[in-house]
Amino acid sequence: MAETGDDVICLAEDRMGRLWVGLYTGLLSLEDGRFRTHTPQLPERFVLCVEPAADGTLWLVVLRSDPPDRGPCRLLRYEPASGRTVLRHFHATT
């Protein structure tokens, strides 16, 4: 995990048995003993929450972590197969 940082913020397991790791600096998945980074596909790097959906997509709560423009939180739907994200809603700034 050295390539994206090691501050684990959240963990979730999807229906396929993949472990999703939300970090201060991105998103990783663990499958078959290998980590894969999904950070380049995300518009914001700080992953506060990961919630796998039944259809294989993920709901992510992300936060812009670059000072001085920190926040607001965003709710994204992330499609791991395509790397596509869809912004769903803005939350209050933190």
Protein backbone atom coordinates (compact mmCIF):
# COMPACT_ATOMS: atom_id res chain seq x y z
CA MET A 1 0.00 0.00 0.00
CA ALA A 2 3.03 2.26 0.00
CA GLU A 3 2.08 3.71 -3.38
CA THR A 4 -1.12 5.32 -2.04
CA GLY A 5 -0.45 5.70 1.68
CA ASP A 6 -1.22 3.50 4.64
CA ASP A 7 -3.90 5.36 6.63
CA VAL A 8 -6.86 2.98 6.42
CA ILE A 9 -10.13 4.87 6.90
CA CYS A 10 -12.67 2.16 6.07
CA LEU A 11 -13.05 -1.45 4.92
CA ALA A 12 -15.84 -3.27 3.09
CA GLU A 13 -16.28 -6.67 1.44
CA ASP A 14 -18.37 -7.09 -1.72
CA ARG A 15 -20.41 -10.11 -2.84
CA MET A 16 -17.45 -11.44 -4.85
CA GLY A 17 -15.25 -11.54 -1.74
CA ARG A 18 -13.12 -8.54 -2.71
CA LEU A 19 -11.97 -6.39 0.18
CA TRP A 20 -12.24 -2.66 -0.49
CA VAL A 21 -9.91 -0.35 1.43
CA GLY A 22 -10.66 3.35 1.72
CA LEU A 23 -7.57 5.43 2.43
CA TYR A 24 -6.75 9.06 3.10
CA THR A 25 -5.13 8.98 -0.33
CA GLY A 26 -7.30 6.65 -2.39
CA LEU A 27 -9.10 3.35 -2.88
CA LEU A 28 -7.64 -0.15 -3.07
CA SER A 29 -9.14 -3.56 -3.64
CA LEU A 30 -7.70 -6.85 -2.46
CA GLU A 31 -8.46 -9.91 -4.53
CA ASP A 32 -6.52 -13.17 -4.78
CA GLY A 33 -3.86 -11.76 -2.44
CA ARG A 34 -3.10 -8.75 -4.66
CA PHE A 35 -3.82 -5.08 -4.06
CA ARG A 36 -5.08 -3.00 -6.97
CA THR A 37 -5.34 0.77 -6.85
CA HIS A 38 -8.47 2.53 -8.09
CA THR A 39 -7.29 6.01 -7.08
CA PRO A 40 -6.65 7.45 -10.58
CA GLN A 41 -10.34 7.04 -11.48
CA LEU A 42 -11.60 9.02 -8.48
CA PRO A 43 -12.22 12.77 -8.62
CA GLU A 44 -11.41 13.06 -4.89
CA ARG A 45 -8.78 11.01 -3.04
CA PHE A 46 -9.93 10.87 0.60
CA VAL A 47 -12.31 7.88 0.83
CA LEU A 48 -14.39 8.14 3.99
CA CYS A 49 -16.81 5.27 3.37
CA VAL A 50 -17.23 2.35 0.94
CA GLU A 51 -20.54 0.50 0.55
CA PRO A 52 -20.73 -2.30 -2.05
CA ALA A 53 -24.02 -2.50 -3.98
CA ALA A 54 -25.69 -5.70 -5.18
CA ASP A 55 -24.95 -4.85 -8.83
CA GLY A 56 -21.16 -4.80 -8.33
CA THR A 57 -20.82 -1.04 -8.10
CA LEU A 58 -19.68 0.83 -4.99
CA TRP A 59 -21.11 3.79 -3.16
CA LEU A 60 -18.28 6.01 -1.95
CA VAL A 61 -18.24 9.02 0.31
CA VAL A 62 -15.20 11.07 -0.67
CA LEU A 63 -13.68 14.34 0.45
CA ARG A 64 -11.31 16.70 -1.30
CA SER A 65 -8.26 16.55 0.95
CA ASP A 66 -5.99 19.15 -0.65
CA PRO A 67 -5.64 22.24 1.55
CA PRO A 68 -6.80 24.97 1.38
CA ASP A 69 -9.78 23.70 -0.66
CA ARG A 70 -10.76 20.86 1.71
CA GLY A 71 -14.35 19.58 1.36
CA PRO A 72 -17.20 19.24 0.63
CA CYS A 73 -18.06 15.55 1.01
CA ARG A 74 -19.48 13.91 -2.10
CA LEU A 75 -21.45 10.74 -2.65
CA LEU A 76 -20.22 8.85 -5.72
CA ARG A 77 -21.28 5.69 -7.47
CA TYR A 78 -18.14 3.93 -8.70
CA GLU A 79 -18.11 1.18 -11.34
CA PRO A 80 -14.92 -0.86 -10.79
CA ALA A 81 -15.20 -2.69 -14.12
CA SER A 82 -15.13 0.53 -16.17
CA GLY A 83 -13.51 2.93 -13.69
CA ARG A 84 -16.44 5.33 -14.18
CA THR A 85 -17.75 7.50 -11.36
CA VAL A 86 -21.05 9.32 -11.15
CA LEU A 87 -21.55 12.20 -8.72
CA ARG A 88 -24.84 11.73 -6.89
CA HIS A 89 -25.05 14.39 -4.20
CA PHE A 90 -23.17 17.06 -2.29
CA HIS A 91 -23.08 16.96 1.50
CA ALA A 92 -22.35 19.74 3.95
CA THR A 93 -18.72 20.83 4.20
CA THR A 94 -16.67 19.48 7.08
